[in-house]
Structure formats: C-alpha cells, structure tokens
C-alpha cells in the first residue's frame, strides 16, 4: 500500500478496510470470506487488510477495541462499520446498501 491512510480512504473509489491481527482466529475466517468477495466486487471497491498490532495509531484513532473490524470508506467518509464475525451475504448486502446511499 503506497501513500497515507488518509489518501487511501479519501479516494473516490470505495475502500473496505479489514482491521485484523495475526493472533485472531475470527480474523482468518473474515479474511478468507473477503477473498471470495474481492473476486465478486473487485471492480466496485478496494479491499485493504491492516494489522492493528502494527498500526497502533489507527487502532487508537478509530477506537478499535476488537478485531476483526470492517470499515467502509469513500471520500474520507465512514459509510459502514462492523466488528466481529459476519457472513459473506451480510457483508455484500451491507456494502451495497452503504454504497447505494452515496450514489
């Protein structure tokens, strides 16, 4: 990932951030599910994985008290946030709903 986090979330393209940690078992499940969704939604949004243990400043800024946490940004606006396990259909629907509100 090049550029700053602010540049990343400030883009016109929607960006789904997967806040994760190496030690987190549910994060591994979310990560595998997101890999499937990326194939489906690749032209609609960018998915970026960020390790909260390596990015303490972001963890504090966004008050990430648990992982996995998914956050959808577009034009620096937080459109959607979810903490904990979630199914692929739930993520897909939440993303589509959040992005529909923007259009």
N, C-alpha and C. Protein backbone atom coordinates (compact mmCIF):
# COMPACT_ATOMS: atom_id res chain seq x y z
N UNK A 1 0.86 -1.18 0.00
CA UNK A 1 0.00 0.00 0.00
C UNK A 1 0.90 1.24 0.00
N UNK A 2 0.72 2.06 -1.02
CA UNK A 2 1.51 3.29 -1.09
C UNK A 2 0.64 4.46 -0.66
N UNK A 3 1.28 5.51 -0.18
CA UNK A 3 0.53 6.68 0.28
C UNK A 3 0.05 6.50 1.70
N UNK A 4 -0.57 7.55 2.20
CA UNK A 4 -1.02 7.51 3.59
C UNK A 4 -2.42 6.90 3.69
N UNK A 5 -2.80 6.58 4.90
CA UNK A 5 -4.13 6.04 5.15
C UNK A 5 -5.19 7.06 4.74
N UNK A 6 -4.94 8.34 5.03
CA UNK A 6 -5.89 9.39 4.68
C UNK A 6 -6.09 9.48 3.16
N UNK A 7 -4.99 9.32 2.40
CA UNK A 7 -5.10 9.33 0.93
C UNK A 7 -5.93 8.13 0.46
N UNK A 8 -5.68 6.99 1.09
CA UNK A 8 -6.38 5.77 0.74
C UNK A 8 -7.89 5.92 0.93
N UNK A 9 -8.31 6.35 2.11
CA UNK A 9 -9.74 6.45 2.39
C UNK A 9 -10.37 7.68 1.75
N UNK A 10 -9.55 8.60 1.29
CA UNK A 10 -10.06 9.82 0.66
C UNK A 10 -10.38 9.67 -0.81
N UNK A 11 -10.14 8.50 -1.37
CA UNK A 11 -10.35 8.33 -2.81
C UNK A 11 -11.83 8.24 -3.15
N UNK A 12 -12.12 8.45 -4.43
CA UNK A 12 -13.49 8.30 -4.93
C UNK A 12 -13.93 6.84 -4.91
N UNK A 13 -12.93 5.95 -5.05
CA UNK A 13 -13.24 4.52 -5.04
C UNK A 13 -13.50 4.09 -3.60
N UNK A 14 -14.60 3.36 -3.36
CA UNK A 14 -14.86 2.86 -2.01
C UNK A 14 -13.73 1.93 -1.57
N UNK A 15 -13.36 2.02 -0.29
CA UNK A 15 -12.28 1.21 0.27
C UNK A 15 -12.80 0.50 1.51
N UNK A 16 -12.74 -0.82 1.50
CA UNK A 16 -13.12 -1.62 2.66
C UNK A 16 -11.85 -1.98 3.40
N UNK A 17 -11.74 -1.53 4.64
CA UNK A 17 -10.57 -1.82 5.46
C UNK A 17 -10.91 -2.99 6.38
N UNK A 18 -10.08 -4.01 6.33
CA UNK A 18 -10.20 -5.17 7.21
C UNK A 18 -9.14 -5.01 8.30
N UNK A 19 -9.55 -4.49 9.46
CA UNK A 19 -8.63 -4.36 10.59
C UNK A 19 -8.54 -5.73 11.25
N UNK A 20 -7.33 -6.24 11.33
CA UNK A 20 -7.12 -7.63 11.72
C UNK A 20 -5.90 -7.75 12.63
N UNK A 21 -5.62 -8.97 13.07
CA UNK A 21 -4.41 -9.27 13.85
C UNK A 21 -4.02 -10.72 13.58
N UNK A 22 -2.73 -10.98 13.58
CA UNK A 22 -2.22 -12.33 13.28
C UNK A 22 -2.76 -13.38 14.26
N UNK A 23 -2.94 -13.01 15.50
CA UNK A 23 -3.35 -13.95 16.54
C UNK A 23 -4.86 -14.22 16.56
N UNK A 24 -5.62 -13.49 15.76
CA UNK A 24 -7.09 -13.51 15.79
C UNK A 24 -7.66 -14.60 14.87
N UNK A 25 -8.27 -15.64 15.46
CA UNK A 25 -8.85 -16.72 14.65
C UNK A 25 -10.06 -16.25 13.83
N UNK A 26 -11.00 -15.48 14.41
CA UNK A 26 -12.11 -14.99 13.58
C UNK A 26 -11.63 -14.11 12.41
N UNK A 27 -10.50 -13.43 12.59
CA UNK A 27 -9.95 -12.60 11.51
C UNK A 27 -9.59 -13.45 10.30
N UNK A 28 -9.09 -14.65 10.55
CA UNK A 28 -8.72 -15.54 9.46
C UNK A 28 -9.95 -15.96 8.67
N UNK A 29 -11.07 -16.18 9.37
CA UNK A 29 -12.32 -16.54 8.69
C UNK A 29 -12.82 -15.36 7.86
N UNK A 30 -12.77 -14.17 8.43
CA UNK A 30 -13.21 -12.96 7.70
C UNK A 30 -12.32 -12.77 6.48
N UNK A 31 -11.03 -12.94 6.64
CA UNK A 31 -10.08 -12.74 5.55
C UNK A 31 -10.38 -13.67 4.38
N UNK A 32 -10.64 -14.94 4.69
CA UNK A 32 -10.94 -15.89 3.62
C UNK A 32 -12.26 -15.54 2.94
N UNK A 33 -13.24 -15.11 3.69
CA UNK A 33 -14.53 -14.69 3.12
C UNK A 33 -14.34 -13.46 2.24
N UNK A 34 -13.51 -12.51 2.69
CA UNK A 34 -13.27 -11.30 1.90
C UNK A 34 -12.55 -11.62 0.59
N UNK A 35 -11.68 -12.61 0.61
CA UNK A 35 -11.02 -13.02 -0.63
C UNK A 35 -12.03 -13.45 -1.67
N UNK A 36 -13.08 -14.16 -1.25
CA UNK A 36 -14.15 -14.56 -2.17
C UNK A 36 -14.91 -13.33 -2.68
N UNK A 37 -15.20 -12.40 -1.76
CA UNK A 37 -15.94 -11.20 -2.14
C UNK A 37 -15.14 -10.32 -3.10
N UNK A 38 -13.83 -10.29 -2.93
CA UNK A 38 -12.99 -9.46 -3.80
C UNK A 38 -13.17 -9.88 -5.25
N UNK A 39 -13.23 -11.18 -5.49
CA UNK A 39 -13.43 -11.68 -6.85
C UNK A 39 -14.75 -11.14 -7.42
N UNK A 40 -15.76 -11.08 -6.57
CA UNK A 40 -17.08 -10.63 -6.96
C UNK A 40 -17.18 -9.11 -7.13
N UNK A 41 -16.57 -8.38 -6.20
CA UNK A 41 -16.76 -6.92 -6.13
C UNK A 41 -15.53 -6.13 -6.55
N UNK A 42 -14.58 -6.80 -7.17
CA UNK A 42 -13.29 -6.20 -7.47
C UNK A 42 -13.39 -4.87 -8.21
N UNK A 43 -14.33 -4.75 -9.13
CA UNK A 43 -14.45 -3.50 -9.88
C UNK A 43 -15.22 -2.44 -9.12
N UNK A 44 -15.80 -2.80 -7.98
CA UNK A 44 -16.63 -1.86 -7.23
C UNK A 44 -15.91 -1.22 -6.04
N UNK A 45 -14.92 -1.91 -5.48
CA UNK A 45 -14.24 -1.37 -4.32
C UNK A 45 -12.88 -2.01 -4.14
N UNK A 46 -12.07 -1.36 -3.33
CA UNK A 46 -10.74 -1.85 -2.98
C UNK A 46 -10.81 -2.41 -1.56
N UNK A 47 -10.21 -3.58 -1.34
CA UNK A 47 -10.17 -4.18 -0.01
C UNK A 47 -8.73 -4.16 0.47
N UNK A 48 -8.53 -3.60 1.68
CA UNK A 48 -7.19 -3.47 2.25
C UNK A 48 -7.20 -4.07 3.66
N UNK A 49 -6.19 -4.88 3.93
CA UNK A 49 -6.04 -5.52 5.25
C UNK A 49 -5.00 -4.72 6.05
N UNK A 50 -5.35 -4.36 7.29
CA UNK A 50 -4.43 -3.61 8.15
C UNK A 50 -4.33 -4.32 9.50
N UNK A 51 -3.11 -4.62 9.90
CA UNK A 51 -2.83 -5.28 11.17
C UNK A 51 -2.85 -4.23 12.28
N UNK A 52 -3.77 -4.38 13.23
CA UNK A 52 -3.89 -3.38 14.30
C UNK A 52 -2.69 -3.37 15.24
N UNK A 53 -1.98 -4.49 15.33
CA UNK A 53 -0.80 -4.53 16.20
C UNK A 53 0.36 -3.76 15.59
N UNK A 54 0.37 -3.61 14.28
CA UNK A 54 1.43 -2.87 13.60
C UNK A 54 1.02 -1.43 13.29
N UNK A 55 -0.23 -1.09 13.56
CA UNK A 55 -0.75 0.25 13.28
C UNK A 55 -1.51 0.78 14.48
N UNK A 56 -0.78 0.97 15.56
CA UNK A 56 -1.38 1.38 16.85
C UNK A 56 -2.09 2.72 16.73
N UNK A 57 -1.53 3.65 15.97
CA UNK A 57 -2.14 4.98 15.82
C UNK A 57 -3.54 4.87 15.21
N UNK A 58 -3.69 4.03 14.18
CA UNK A 58 -5.01 3.84 13.57
C UNK A 58 -5.95 3.14 14.54
N UNK A 59 -5.42 2.17 15.28
CA UNK A 59 -6.25 1.46 16.27
C UNK A 59 -6.83 2.45 17.28
N UNK A 60 -6.00 3.39 17.72
CA UNK A 60 -6.47 4.38 18.69
C UNK A 60 -7.42 5.38 18.05
N UNK A 61 -7.06 5.87 16.86
CA UNK A 61 -7.88 6.88 16.18
C UNK A 61 -9.31 6.39 15.94
N UNK A 62 -9.44 5.12 15.53
CA UNK A 62 -10.76 4.58 15.20
C UNK A 62 -11.35 3.74 16.33
N UNK A 63 -10.73 3.84 17.52
CA UNK A 63 -11.24 3.16 18.72
C UNK A 63 -11.55 1.69 18.44
N UNK A 64 -10.56 1.00 17.89
CA UNK A 64 -10.70 -0.41 17.56
C UNK A 64 -10.40 -1.24 18.80
N UNK A 65 -11.44 -1.64 19.49
CA UNK A 65 -11.28 -2.38 20.73
C UNK A 65 -11.34 -3.88 20.51
N UNK A 66 -11.79 -4.30 19.31
CA UNK A 66 -11.88 -5.73 19.00
C UNK A 66 -11.64 -5.92 17.50
N UNK A 67 -11.15 -7.09 17.17
CA UNK A 67 -10.96 -7.45 15.77
C UNK A 67 -11.65 -8.80 15.54
N UNK A 68 -12.09 -9.08 14.35
CA UNK A 68 -11.98 -8.25 13.16
C UNK A 68 -12.98 -7.09 13.18
N UNK A 69 -12.54 -5.98 12.61
CA UNK A 69 -13.42 -4.84 12.38
C UNK A 69 -13.31 -4.46 10.91
N UNK A 70 -14.45 -4.36 10.26
CA UNK A 70 -14.50 -3.94 8.86
C UNK A 70 -15.04 -2.52 8.83
N UNK A 71 -14.39 -1.67 8.02
CA UNK A 71 -14.84 -0.29 7.87
C UNK A 71 -14.81 0.07 6.39
N UNK A 72 -15.91 0.64 5.91
CA UNK A 72 -16.01 1.05 4.51
C UNK A 72 -15.92 2.57 4.44
N UNK A 73 -14.97 3.06 3.66
CA UNK A 73 -14.77 4.50 3.47
C UNK A 73 -14.91 4.88 2.00
N UNK A 74 -15.35 6.10 1.78
CA UNK A 74 -15.31 6.70 0.45
C UNK A 74 -15.26 8.21 0.63
N UNK A 75 -14.34 8.85 -0.07
CA UNK A 75 -14.16 10.30 0.05
C UNK A 75 -14.00 10.72 1.51
N UNK A 76 -13.22 9.96 2.25
CA UNK A 76 -12.90 10.19 3.67
C UNK A 76 -14.10 10.05 4.62
N UNK A 77 -15.21 9.56 4.13
CA UNK A 77 -16.39 9.36 4.97
C UNK A 77 -16.50 7.89 5.33
N UNK A 78 -16.78 7.64 6.61
CA UNK A 78 -17.06 6.28 7.05
C UNK A 78 -18.50 5.96 6.69
N UNK A 79 -18.69 4.97 5.82
CA UNK A 79 -20.03 4.61 5.35
C UNK A 79 -20.63 3.44 6.11
N UNK A 80 -19.76 2.57 6.65
CA UNK A 80 -20.24 1.37 7.32
C UNK A 80 -19.13 0.81 8.20
N UNK A 81 -19.54 0.22 9.31
CA UNK A 81 -18.57 -0.39 10.24
C UNK A 81 -19.21 -1.60 10.88
N UNK A 82 -18.41 -2.67 11.03
CA UNK A 82 -18.88 -3.88 11.70
C UNK A 82 -17.72 -4.52 12.44
N UNK A 83 -17.98 -4.93 13.66
CA UNK A 83 -16.97 -5.63 14.46
C UNK A 83 -17.47 -7.04 14.74
N UNK A 84 -16.58 -8.02 14.56
CA UNK A 84 -16.93 -9.41 14.82
C UNK A 84 -17.17 -10.18 13.54
N UNK A 85 -17.53 -11.45 13.72
CA UNK A 85 -17.79 -12.30 12.56
C UNK A 85 -19.06 -11.85 11.83
N UNK A 86 -19.04 -12.04 10.54
CA UNK A 86 -20.18 -11.68 9.70
C UNK A 86 -20.10 -12.56 8.46
N UNK A 87 -21.24 -12.91 7.92
CA UNK A 87 -21.24 -13.79 6.74
C UNK A 87 -21.02 -13.00 5.46
N UNK A 88 -20.62 -13.69 4.43
CA UNK A 88 -20.40 -13.05 3.13
C UNK A 88 -21.67 -12.36 2.61
N UNK A 89 -22.85 -13.02 2.67
CA UNK A 89 -24.06 -12.34 2.21
C UNK A 89 -24.37 -11.06 3.02
N UNK A 90 -24.12 -11.11 4.33
CA UNK A 90 -24.35 -9.92 5.16
C UNK A 90 -23.42 -8.79 4.76
N UNK A 91 -22.14 -9.11 4.52
CA UNK A 91 -21.18 -8.08 4.10
C UNK A 91 -21.59 -7.52 2.75
N UNK A 92 -21.90 -8.40 1.81
CA UNK A 92 -22.30 -7.97 0.47
C UNK A 92 -23.50 -7.01 0.54
N UNK A 93 -24.52 -7.38 1.30
CA UNK A 93 -25.72 -6.53 1.43
C UNK A 93 -25.40 -5.21 2.10
N UNK A 94 -24.61 -5.25 3.16
CA UNK A 94 -24.25 -4.02 3.88
C UNK A 94 -23.45 -3.08 2.98
N UNK A 95 -22.52 -3.64 2.21
CA UNK A 95 -21.71 -2.80 1.30
C UNK A 95 -22.59 -2.19 0.23
N UNK A 96 -23.44 -3.00 -0.38
CA UNK A 96 -24.33 -2.47 -1.43
C UNK A 96 -25.25 -1.38 -0.89
N UNK A 97 -25.80 -1.60 0.30
CA UNK A 97 -26.67 -0.59 0.91
C UNK A 97 -25.91 0.69 1.21
N UNK A 98 -24.73 0.56 1.77
CA UNK A 98 -23.92 1.74 2.12
C UNK A 98 -23.54 2.51 0.86
N UNK A 99 -23.17 1.80 -0.19
CA UNK A 99 -22.75 2.46 -1.42
C UNK A 99 -23.94 3.05 -2.18
N UNK A 100 -25.09 2.44 -2.06
CA UNK A 100 -26.30 2.97 -2.70
C UNK A 100 -26.65 4.35 -2.12
N UNK A 101 -26.45 4.52 -0.81
CA UNK A 101 -26.76 5.79 -0.15
C UNK A 101 -25.88 6.92 -0.68
N UNK A 102 -24.68 6.55 -1.12
CA UNK A 102 -23.72 7.55 -1.60
C UNK A 102 -24.06 8.02 -3.02
N UNK A 103 -24.55 7.09 -3.83
CA UNK A 103 -24.79 7.38 -5.25
C UNK A 103 -25.94 8.34 -5.48
